Amino acid sequence: MHQLTLRIGDELADNLRLEAKKRGKSVNALVATVLSALLDPALEGDEFERLRARLERAGLLADAGPRRGARAPSEKQLAQARRVAGSGKNLSEYVSEGRD
């Protein structure tokens, strides 16, 4: 087994410690998992899809929540969104301001 010394910023190091703790792993185990997932050439597709699949397979992707089939917003939520969207200036007002 090899040892690797790595220089990283304080914020990244802190974030790694927090993420490792959250996942119940050591920082070393977390970094080794991420690097292994990144370097596995066996997956097909474009680079983004390969990386995403590797990270998913390693259990490193967060669940983004429901996608298709999610509940529709309530009438109250829709009314609130309409009120917010209907406030402020019209786009035409902004455009005409820049033309004076």
Protein backbone atom coordinates (compact mmCIF):
# COMPACT_ATOMS: atom_id res chain seq x y z
CA MET A 1 0.00 0.00 0.00
CA HIS A 2 1.28 3.47 -0.90
CA GLN A 3 1.06 6.66 1.08
CA LEU A 4 0.17 9.96 -0.63
CA THR A 5 0.85 13.41 0.79
CA LEU A 6 -1.49 16.06 -0.53
CA ARG A 7 -1.58 19.83 -0.03
CA ILE A 8 -5.11 21.23 0.04
CA GLY A 9 -6.70 24.38 1.39
CA ASP A 10 -8.04 24.60 4.94
CA GLU A 11 -11.66 24.88 3.77
CA LEU A 12 -11.41 21.76 1.61
CA ALA A 13 -9.74 19.85 4.45
CA ASP A 14 -12.50 20.92 6.86
CA ASN A 15 -15.19 19.94 4.36
CA LEU A 16 -13.54 16.54 3.85
CA ARG A 17 -13.46 15.92 7.60
CA LEU A 18 -17.13 16.87 7.94
CA GLU A 19 -18.21 14.73 4.99
CA ALA A 20 -16.21 11.75 6.20
CA LYS A 21 -17.72 12.06 9.67
CA LYS A 22 -21.22 12.37 8.19
CA ARG A 23 -20.68 9.16 6.22
CA GLY A 24 -19.05 7.33 9.13
CA LYS A 25 -15.74 7.01 7.27
CA SER A 26 -12.21 8.21 7.82
CA VAL A 27 -10.95 11.02 5.61
CA ASN A 28 -8.54 8.53 4.06
CA ALA A 29 -11.35 6.07 3.27
CA LEU A 30 -13.52 8.81 1.77
CA VAL A 31 -10.74 10.17 -0.45
CA ALA A 32 -9.75 6.66 -1.54
CA THR A 33 -13.38 5.91 -2.45
CA VAL A 34 -13.72 9.12 -4.48
CA LEU A 35 -10.43 8.57 -6.30
CA SER A 36 -11.29 4.95 -7.05
CA ALA A 37 -14.67 5.99 -8.43
CA LEU A 38 -13.05 8.70 -10.54
CA LEU A 39 -10.38 6.47 -12.05
CA ASP A 40 -12.45 3.39 -12.96
CA PRO A 41 -12.25 3.25 -16.79
CA ALA A 42 -14.85 0.47 -17.11
CA LEU A 43 -17.87 2.75 -17.41
CA GLU A 44 -19.20 3.95 -20.76
CA GLY A 45 -20.71 7.24 -21.93
CA ASP A 46 -19.49 10.82 -21.91
CA GLU A 47 -17.16 12.04 -19.17
CA PHE A 48 -19.93 13.59 -17.06
CA GLU A 49 -22.06 10.45 -17.16
CA ARG A 50 -19.07 8.22 -16.36
CA LEU A 51 -18.13 10.35 -13.36
CA ARG A 52 -21.72 10.53 -12.14
CA ALA A 53 -22.12 6.75 -12.46
CA ARG A 54 -18.85 6.17 -10.62
CA LEU A 55 -19.80 8.46 -7.77
CA GLU A 56 -23.27 6.91 -7.57
CA ARG A 57 -21.80 3.41 -7.49
CA ALA A 58 -19.49 4.48 -4.68
CA GLY A 59 -22.48 5.81 -2.74
CA LEU A 60 -21.31 9.41 -2.93
CA LEU A 61 -24.29 11.08 -4.62
CA ALA A 62 -26.87 12.80 -2.48
CA ASP A 63 -30.53 12.10 -3.14
CA ALA A 64 -31.95 15.19 -4.82
CA GLY A 65 -35.46 14.24 -3.75
CA PRO A 66 -38.46 13.35 -5.86
CA ARG A 67 -38.36 14.22 -9.52
CA ARG A 68 -41.11 12.99 -11.79
CA GLY A 69 -44.44 12.34 -10.22
CA ALA A 70 -43.81 14.78 -7.39
CA ARG A 71 -46.85 16.37 -5.74
CA ALA A 72 -48.21 19.46 -7.41
CA PRO A 73 -48.02 22.67 -5.36
CA SER A 74 -51.08 23.55 -3.30
CA GLU A 75 -53.42 26.37 -4.30
CA LYS A 76 -51.98 28.43 -1.45
CA GLN A 77 -48.43 27.91 -2.75
CA LEU A 78 -49.52 28.82 -6.28
CA ALA A 79 -51.25 31.98 -5.08
CA GLN A 80 -48.11 33.00 -3.16
CA ALA A 81 -45.92 32.38 -6.22
CA ARG A 82 -48.26 34.43 -8.40
CA ARG A 83 -48.19 37.33 -5.94
CA VAL A 84 -44.41 37.33 -5.86
CA ALA A 85 -44.08 36.93 -9.64
CA GLY A 86 -46.56 39.74 -10.26
CA SER A 87 -44.75 42.31 -8.15
CA GLY A 88 -41.98 44.62 -9.28
CA LYS A 89 -41.29 46.30 -12.59
CA ASN A 90 -42.25 45.00 -15.97
CA LEU A 91 -39.40 43.97 -18.23
CA SER A 92 -40.34 46.75 -20.66
CA GLU A 93 -39.69 49.31 -17.91
CA TYR A 94 -36.15 48.04 -17.44
CA VAL A 95 -35.51 48.06 -21.17
CA SER A 96 -36.81 51.61 -21.63
CA GLU A 97 -34.70 52.87 -18.67
CA GLY A 98 -31.55 51.95 -20.51
CA ARG A 99 -32.59 53.81 -23.67
CA ASP A 100 -32.89 57.34 -22.30
